[in-house]
Amino acid sequence: MTVESTQRTLPQRLAFHAARTALLYTLTIGLCTWRSPWPFVLGLATVVWWIVCKQMPYDAIGEKRRTAGNPTAGGQSS
């Protein structure tokens, strides 16, 4: 099940699903079967991305950028 947090056009939605499928495949099947350090590096990069951005990398596809001080851009004003 996919919960849409952002409105995306059809090409953005296709890119979102392709990126998510590739990442999940690499981190599950690839980590166990590939004889390469790349799945581990990708997993580590994904964890770092999530800690910094509080979202998965594929969630950034089609997302409109928010600015913290601009209430018209969807950010919170303090």
PDB file of N, CA and C in Angstrom:
ATOM      1  N   MET A   1       0.847  -1.171   0.000  1.00  0.00           N
ATOM      2  CA  MET A   1       0.000   0.000   0.000  1.00  0.00           C
ATOM      3  C   MET A   1       0.890   1.230   0.000  1.00  0.00           C
ATOM      4  N   THR A   2       0.513   2.206  -0.777  1.00  0.00           N
ATOM      5  CA  THR A   2       1.272   3.444  -0.861  1.00  0.00           C
ATOM      6  C   THR A   2       0.423   4.577  -0.327  1.00  0.00           C
ATOM      7  N   VAL A   3       0.999   5.355   0.562  1.00  0.00           N
ATOM      8  CA  VAL A   3       0.333   6.552   1.054  1.00  0.00           C
ATOM      9  C   VAL A   3       0.971   7.734   0.354  1.00  0.00           C
ATOM     10  N   GLU A   4       0.184   8.438  -0.434  1.00  0.00           N
ATOM     11  CA  GLU A   4       0.704   9.578  -1.185  1.00  0.00           C
ATOM     12  C   GLU A   4       0.763  10.794  -0.273  1.00  0.00           C
ATOM     13  N   SER A   5       1.954  11.290  -0.051  1.00  0.00           N
ATOM     14  CA  SER A   5       2.132  12.489   0.768  1.00  0.00           C
ATOM     15  C   SER A   5       2.315  13.722  -0.099  1.00  0.00           C
ATOM     16  N   THR A   6       2.505  13.529  -1.394  1.00  0.00           N
ATOM     17  CA  THR A   6       2.756  14.616  -2.327  1.00  0.00           C
ATOM     18  C   THR A   6       2.029  14.328  -3.633  1.00  0.00           C
ATOM     19  N   GLN A   7       1.445  15.358  -4.227  1.00  0.00           N
ATOM     20  CA  GLN A   7       0.854  15.197  -5.547  1.00  0.00           C
ATOM     21  C   GLN A   7       1.986  15.063  -6.561  1.00  0.00           C
ATOM     22  N   ARG A   8       1.914  14.042  -7.405  1.00  0.00           N
ATOM     23  CA  ARG A   8       2.942  13.808  -8.416  1.00  0.00           C
ATOM     24  C   ARG A   8       2.297  13.642  -9.779  1.00  0.00           C
ATOM     25  N   THR A   9       3.007  14.075 -10.791  1.00  0.00           N
ATOM     26  CA  THR A   9       2.563  13.826 -12.153  1.00  0.00           C
ATOM     27  C   THR A   9       2.870  12.368 -12.494  1.00  0.00           C
ATOM     28  N   LEU A  10       2.375  11.899 -13.614  1.00  0.00           N
ATOM     29  CA  LEU A  10       2.598  10.501 -13.996  1.00  0.00           C
ATOM     30  C   LEU A  10       4.087  10.161 -14.132  1.00  0.00           C
ATOM     31  N   PRO A  11       4.916  10.982 -14.804  1.00  0.00           N
ATOM     32  CA  PRO A  11       6.343  10.653 -14.870  1.00  0.00           C
ATOM     33  C   PRO A  11       7.015  10.656 -13.485  1.00  0.00           C
ATOM     34  N   GLN A  12       6.611  11.579 -12.621  1.00  0.00           N
ATOM     35  CA  GLN A  12       7.175  11.608 -11.272  1.00  0.00           C
ATOM     36  C   GLN A  12       6.753  10.375 -10.482  1.00  0.00           C
ATOM     37  N   ARG A  13       5.504   9.961 -10.645  1.00  0.00           N
ATOM     38  CA  ARG A  13       5.017   8.767  -9.950  1.00  0.00           C
ATOM     39  C   ARG A  13       5.754   7.520 -10.435  1.00  0.00           C
ATOM     40  N   LEU A  14       5.976   7.412 -11.754  1.00  0.00           N
ATOM     41  CA  LEU A  14       6.726   6.273 -12.289  1.00  0.00           C
ATOM     42  C   LEU A  14       8.158   6.263 -11.765  1.00  0.00           C
ATOM     43  N   ALA A  15       8.796   7.437 -11.722  1.00  0.00           N
ATOM     44  CA  ALA A  15      10.161   7.529 -11.186  1.00  0.00           C
ATOM     45  C   ALA A  15      10.182   7.174  -9.703  1.00  0.00           C
ATOM     46  N   PHE A  16       9.165   7.618  -8.949  1.00  0.00           N
ATOM     47  CA  PHE A  16       9.057   7.311  -7.520  1.00  0.00           C
ATOM     48  C   PHE A  16       8.988   5.802  -7.303  1.00  0.00           C
ATOM     49  N   HIS A  17       8.082   5.132  -8.030  1.00  0.00           N
ATOM     50  CA  HIS A  17       7.925   3.686  -7.848  1.00  0.00           C
ATOM     51  C   HIS A  17       9.155   2.914  -8.334  1.00  0.00           C
ATOM     52  N   ALA A  18       9.780   3.368  -9.413  1.00  0.00           N
ATOM     53  CA  ALA A  18      10.996   2.706  -9.898  1.00  0.00           C
ATOM     54  C   ALA A  18      12.134   2.846  -8.886  1.00  0.00           C
ATOM     55  N   ALA A  19      12.309   4.044  -8.333  1.00  0.00           N
ATOM     56  CA  ALA A  19      13.377   4.268  -7.348  1.00  0.00           C
ATOM     57  C   ALA A  19      13.119   3.469  -6.077  1.00  0.00           C
ATOM     58  N   ARG A  20      11.870   3.452  -5.620  1.00  0.00           N
ATOM     59  CA  ARG A  20      11.550   2.703  -4.400  1.00  0.00           C
ATOM     60  C   ARG A  20      11.757   1.209  -4.618  1.00  0.00           C
ATOM     61  N   THR A  21      11.325   0.682  -5.759  1.00  0.00           N
ATOM     62  CA  THR A  21      11.505  -0.740  -6.048  1.00  0.00           C
ATOM     63  C   THR A  21      12.986  -1.096  -6.136  1.00  0.00           C
ATOM     64  N   ALA A  22      13.765  -0.258  -6.818  1.00  0.00           N
ATOM     65  CA  ALA A  22      15.208  -0.518  -6.947  1.00  0.00           C
ATOM     66  C   ALA A  22      15.899  -0.496  -5.590  1.00  0.00           C
ATOM     67  N   LEU A  23      15.556   0.471  -4.766  1.00  0.00           N
ATOM     68  CA  LEU A  23      16.187   0.562  -3.439  1.00  0.00           C
ATOM     69  C   LEU A  23      15.808  -0.633  -2.572  1.00  0.00           C
ATOM     70  N   LEU A  24      14.529  -0.964  -2.527  1.00  0.00           N
ATOM     71  CA  LEU A  24      14.099  -2.086  -1.690  1.00  0.00           C
ATOM     72  C   LEU A  24      14.662  -3.416  -2.193  1.00  0.00           C
ATOM     73  N   TYR A  25      14.745  -3.597  -3.511  1.00  0.00           N
ATOM     74  CA  TYR A  25      15.354  -4.805  -4.067  1.00  0.00           C
ATOM     75  C   TYR A  25      16.825  -4.894  -3.670  1.00  0.00           C
ATOM     76  N   THR A  26      17.533  -3.786  -3.825  1.00  0.00           N
ATOM     77  CA  THR A  26      18.959  -3.780  -3.508  1.00  0.00           C
ATOM     78  C   THR A  26      19.200  -4.078  -2.035  1.00  0.00           C
ATOM     79  N   LEU A  27      18.370  -3.509  -1.165  1.00  0.00           N
ATOM     80  CA  LEU A  27      18.586  -3.695   0.274  1.00  0.00           C
ATOM     81  C   LEU A  27      18.101  -5.051   0.785  1.00  0.00           C
ATOM     82  N   THR A  28      17.251  -5.746   0.042  1.00  0.00           N
ATOM     83  CA  THR A  28      16.806  -7.066   0.496  1.00  0.00           C
ATOM     84  C   THR A  28      17.508  -8.181  -0.277  1.00  0.00           C
ATOM     85  N   ILE A  29      17.201  -8.312  -1.537  1.00  0.00           N
ATOM     86  CA  ILE A  29      17.771  -9.390  -2.351  1.00  0.00           C
ATOM     87  C   ILE A  29      19.252  -9.137  -2.628  1.00  0.00           C
ATOM     88  N   GLY A  30      19.585  -7.920  -3.013  1.00  0.00           N
ATOM     89  CA  GLY A  30      20.958  -7.594  -3.376  1.00  0.00           C
ATOM     90  C   GLY A  30      21.934  -7.746  -2.231  1.00  0.00           C
ATOM     91  N   LEU A  31      21.510  -7.389  -1.037  1.00  0.00           N
ATOM     92  CA  LEU A  31      22.401  -7.488   0.121  1.00  0.00           C
ATOM     93  C   LEU A  31      22.780  -8.935   0.405  1.00  0.00           C
ATOM     94  N   CYS A  32      21.871  -9.860   0.133  1.00  0.00           N
ATOM     95  CA  CYS A  32      22.130 -11.276   0.406  1.00  0.00           C
ATOM     96  C   CYS A  32      22.820 -11.995  -0.751  1.00  0.00           C
ATOM     97  N   THR A  33      22.638 -11.534  -1.981  1.00  0.00           N
ATOM     98  CA  THR A  33      23.131 -12.302  -3.125  1.00  0.00           C
ATOM     99  C   THR A  33      24.301 -11.659  -3.859  1.00  0.00           C
ATOM    100  N   TRP A  34      24.419 -10.347  -3.821  1.00  0.00           N
ATOM    101  CA  TRP A  34      25.495  -9.691  -4.564  1.00  0.00           C
ATOM    102  C   TRP A  34      26.814  -9.853  -3.826  1.00  0.00           C
ATOM    103  N   ARG A  35      27.870 -10.074  -4.558  1.00  0.00           N
ATOM    104  CA  ARG A  35      29.218 -10.162  -3.985  1.00  0.00           C
ATOM    105  C   ARG A  35      29.907  -8.820  -4.173  1.00  0.00           C
ATOM    106  N   SER A  36      29.287  -7.791  -3.646  1.00  0.00           N
ATOM    107  CA  SER A  36      29.768  -6.435  -3.855  1.00  0.00           C
ATOM    108  C   SER A  36      29.475  -5.615  -2.600  1.00  0.00           C
ATOM    109  N   PRO A  37      30.272  -4.592  -2.324  1.00  0.00           N
ATOM    110  CA  PRO A  37      29.988  -3.728  -1.168  1.00  0.00           C
ATOM    111  C   PRO A  37      28.902  -2.691  -1.447  1.00  0.00           C
ATOM    112  N   TRP A  38      28.422  -2.565  -2.702  1.00  0.00           N
ATOM    113  CA  TRP A  38      27.483  -1.501  -3.051  1.00  0.00           C
ATOM    114  C   TRP A  38      26.146  -1.573  -2.318  1.00  0.00           C
ATOM    115  N   PRO A  39      25.545  -2.736  -2.099  1.00  0.00           N
ATOM    116  CA  PRO A  39      24.297  -2.744  -1.322  1.00  0.00           C
ATOM    117  C   PRO A  39      24.494  -2.212   0.101  1.00  0.00           C
ATOM    118  N   PHE A  40      25.624  -2.547   0.719  1.00  0.00           N
ATOM    119  CA  PHE A  40      25.910  -2.031   2.057  1.00  0.00           C
ATOM    120  C   PHE A  40      26.103  -0.520   2.036  1.00  0.00           C
ATOM    121  N   VAL A  41      26.849  -0.024   1.040  1.00  0.00           N
ATOM    122  CA  VAL A  41      27.081   1.422   0.905  1.00  0.00           C
ATOM    123  C   VAL A  41      25.756   2.139   0.671  1.00  0.00           C
ATOM    124  N   LEU A  42      24.905   1.583  -0.186  1.00  0.00           N
ATOM    125  CA  LEU A  42      23.602   2.175  -0.453  1.00  0.00           C
ATOM    126  C   LEU A  42      22.735   2.178   0.809  1.00  0.00           C
ATOM    127  N   GLY A  43      22.764   1.100   1.554  1.00  0.00           N
ATOM    128  CA  GLY A  43      22.012   1.039   2.811  1.00  0.00           C
ATOM    129  C   GLY A  43      22.489   2.070   3.809  1.00  0.00           C
ATOM    130  N   LEU A  44      23.794   2.225   3.929  1.00  0.00           N
ATOM    131  CA  LEU A  44      24.350   3.224   4.845  1.00  0.00           C
ATOM    132  C   LEU A  44      23.983   4.639   4.396  1.00  0.00           C
ATOM    133  N   ALA A  45      24.067   4.900   3.093  1.00  0.00           N
ATOM    134  CA  ALA A  45      23.695   6.215   2.568  1.00  0.00           C
ATOM    135  C   ALA A  45      22.211   6.499   2.798  1.00  0.00           C
ATOM    136  N   THR A  46      21.369   5.475   2.672  1.00  0.00           N
ATOM    137  CA  THR A  46      19.938   5.645   2.908  1.00  0.00           C
ATOM    138  C   THR A  46      19.658   5.984   4.365  1.00  0.00           C
ATOM    139  N   VAL A  47      20.337   5.328   5.279  1.00  0.00           N
ATOM    140  CA  VAL A  47      20.163   5.619   6.706  1.00  0.00           C
ATOM    141  C   VAL A  47      20.602   7.049   7.024  1.00  0.00           C
ATOM    142  N   VAL A  48      21.729   7.468   6.473  1.00  0.00           N
ATOM    143  CA  VAL A  48      22.208   8.837   6.694  1.00  0.00           C
ATOM    144  C   VAL A  48      21.208   9.837   6.122  1.00  0.00           C
ATOM    145  N   TRP A  49      20.715   9.571   4.896  1.00  0.00           N
ATOM    146  CA  TRP A  49      19.719  10.457   4.269  1.00  0.00           C
ATOM    147  C   TRP A  49      18.493  10.585   5.171  1.00  0.00           C
ATOM    148  N   TRP A  50      18.006   9.442   5.709  1.00  0.00           N
ATOM    149  CA  TRP A  50      16.810   9.454   6.537  1.00  0.00           C
ATOM    150  C   TRP A  50      17.036  10.244   7.826  1.00  0.00           C
ATOM    151  N   ILE A  51      18.204  10.095   8.432  1.00  0.00           N
ATOM    152  CA  ILE A  51      18.510  10.828   9.662  1.00  0.00           C
ATOM    153  C   ILE A  51      18.537  12.332   9.399  1.00  0.00           C
ATOM    154  N   VAL A  52      19.139  12.748   8.289  1.00  0.00           N
ATOM    155  CA  VAL A  52      19.280  14.173   7.979  1.00  0.00           C
ATOM    156  C   VAL A  52      17.956  14.765   7.495  1.00  0.00           C
ATOM    157  N   CYS A  53      17.290  14.088   6.568  1.00  0.00           N
ATOM    158  CA  CYS A  53      16.104  14.661   5.898  1.00  0.00           C
ATOM    159  C   CYS A  53      14.773  14.201   6.480  1.00  0.00           C
ATOM    160  N   LYS A  54      14.770  13.182   7.320  1.00  0.00           N
ATOM    161  CA  LYS A  54      13.555  12.609   7.902  1.00  0.00           C
ATOM    162  C   LYS A  54      12.581  12.101   6.844  1.00  0.00           C
ATOM    163  N   GLN A  55      13.114  11.595   5.743  1.00  0.00           N
ATOM    164  CA  GLN A  55      12.324  10.957   4.697  1.00  0.00           C
ATOM    165  C   GLN A  55      13.232  10.037   3.902  1.00  0.00           C
ATOM    166  N   MET A  56      12.634   9.107   3.201  1.00  0.00           N
ATOM    167  CA  MET A  56      13.416   8.229   2.351  1.00  0.00           C
ATOM    168  C   MET A  56      13.812   8.991   1.084  1.00  0.00           C
ATOM    169  N   PRO A  57      14.905   8.612   0.445  1.00  0.00           N
ATOM    170  CA  PRO A  57      15.359   9.349  -0.742  1.00  0.00           C
ATOM    171  C   PRO A  57      14.325   9.399  -1.860  1.00  0.00           C
ATOM    172  N   TYR A  58      13.581   8.315  -2.061  1.00  0.00           N
ATOM    173  CA  TYR A  58      12.606   8.317  -3.150  1.00  0.00           C
ATOM    174  C   TYR A  58      11.412   9.216  -2.862  1.00  0.00           C
ATOM    175  N   ASP A  59      11.188   9.590  -1.600  1.00  0.00           N
ATOM    176  CA  ASP A  59      10.109  10.516  -1.268  1.00  0.00           C
ATOM    177  C   ASP A  59      10.383  11.928  -1.768  1.00  0.00           C
ATOM    178  N   ALA A  60      11.626  12.238  -2.081  1.00  0.00           N
ATOM    179  CA  ALA A  60      11.986  13.568  -2.568  1.00  0.00           C
ATOM    180  C   ALA A  60      11.638  13.750  -4.046  1.00  0.00           C
ATOM    181  N   ILE A  61      11.284  12.674  -4.733  1.00  0.00           N
ATOM    182  CA  ILE A  61      10.933  12.776  -6.149  1.00  0.00           C
ATOM    183  C   ILE A  61       9.568  13.444  -6.269  1.00  0.00           C
ATOM    184  N   GLY A  62       9.536  14.563  -6.947  1.00  0.00           N
ATOM    185  CA  GLY A  62       8.288  15.272  -7.158  1.00  0.00           C
ATOM    186  C   GLY A  62       7.851  16.148  -6.009  1.00  0.00           C
ATOM    187  N   GLU A  63       8.653  16.224  -4.969  1.00  0.00           N
ATOM    188  CA  GLU A  63       8.302  17.028  -3.809  1.00  0.00           C
ATOM    189  C   GLU A  63       8.638  18.488  -4.067  1.00  0.00           C
ATOM    190  N   LYS A  64       7.726  19.362  -3.679  1.00  0.00           N
ATOM    191  CA  LYS A  64       8.019  20.787  -3.756  1.00  0.00           C
ATOM    192  C   LYS A  64       8.847  21.167  -2.545  1.00  0.00           C
ATOM    193  N   ARG A  65       9.884  21.945  -2.771  1.00  0.00           N
ATOM    194  CA  ARG A  65      10.758  22.369  -1.682  1.00  0.00           C
ATOM    195  C   ARG A  65      10.030  23.297  -0.732  1.00  0.00           C
ATOM    196  N   ARG A  66      10.241  23.096   0.551  1.00  0.00           N
ATOM    197  CA  ARG A  66       9.654  23.963   1.572  1.00  0.00           C
ATOM    198  C   ARG A  66      10.742  24.827   2.170  1.00  0.00           C
ATOM    199  N   THR A  67      10.389  26.041   2.478  1.00  0.00           N
ATOM    200  CA  THR A  67      11.320  26.913   3.184  1.00  0.00           C
ATOM    201  C   THR A  67      10.756  27.179   4.564  1.00  0.00           C
ATOM    202  N   ALA A  68      11.609  27.189   5.571  1.00  0.00           N
ATOM    203  CA  ALA A  68      11.171  27.249   6.957  1.00  0.00           C
ATOM    204  C   ALA A  68      10.444  28.543   7.295  1.00  0.00           C
ATOM    205  N   GLY A  69      10.878  29.678   6.809  1.00  0.00           N
ATOM    206  CA  GLY A  69      10.282  30.933   7.216  1.00  0.00           C
ATOM    207  C   GLY A  69       9.195  31.452   6.288  1.00  0.00           C
ATOM    208  N   ASN A  70       8.862  30.727   5.230  1.00  0.00           N
ATOM    209  CA  ASN A  70       7.906  31.214   4.250  1.00  0.00           C
ATOM    210  C   ASN A  70       6.600  30.445   4.388  1.00  0.00           C
ATOM    211  N   PRO A  71       5.560  31.038   5.027  1.00  0.00           N
ATOM    212  CA  PRO A  71       4.321  30.297   5.236  1.00  0.00           C
ATOM    213  C   PRO A  71       3.592  29.977   3.931  1.00  0.00           C
ATOM    214  N   THR A  72       3.843  30.731   2.857  1.00  0.00           N
ATOM    215  CA  THR A  72       3.173  30.427   1.603  1.00  0.00           C
ATOM    216  C   THR A  72       3.784  29.226   0.914  1.00  0.00           C
ATOM    217  N   ALA A  73       4.991  28.833   1.307  1.00  0.00           N
ATOM    218  CA  ALA A  73       5.644  27.685   0.695  1.00  0.00           C
ATOM    219  C   ALA A  73       5.378  26.406   1.479  1.00  0.00           C
ATOM    220  N   GLY A  74       4.539  26.466   2.514  1.00  0.00           N
ATOM    221  CA  GLY A  74       4.198  25.265   3.257  1.00  0.00           C
ATOM    222  C   GLY A  74       5.039  25.057   4.500  1.00  0.00           C
ATOM    223  N   GLY A  75       5.995  25.920   4.776  1.00  0.00           N
ATOM    224  CA  GLY A  75       6.813  25.789   5.970  1.00  0.00           C
ATOM    225  C   GLY A  75       6.138  26.437   7.162  1.00  0.00           C
ATOM    226  N   GLN A  76       6.702  26.240   8.324  1.00  0.00           N
ATOM    227  CA  GLN A  76       6.143  26.827   9.530  1.00  0.00           C
ATOM    228  C   GLN A  76       6.858  28.121   9.846  1.00  0.00           C
ATOM    229  N   SER A  77       6.098  29.074  10.282  1.00  0.00           N
ATOM    230  CA  SER A  77       6.664  30.349  10.678  1.00  0.00           C
ATOM    231  C   SER A  77       6.813  30.373  12.178  1.00  0.00           C
ATOM    232  N   SER A  78       7.940  30.881  12.663  1.00  0.00           N
ATOM    233  CA  SER A  78       8.139  30.902  14.128  1.00  0.00           C
ATOM    234  C   SER A  78       8.082  32.298  14.671  1.00  0.00           C
TER     235      SER A  78
END
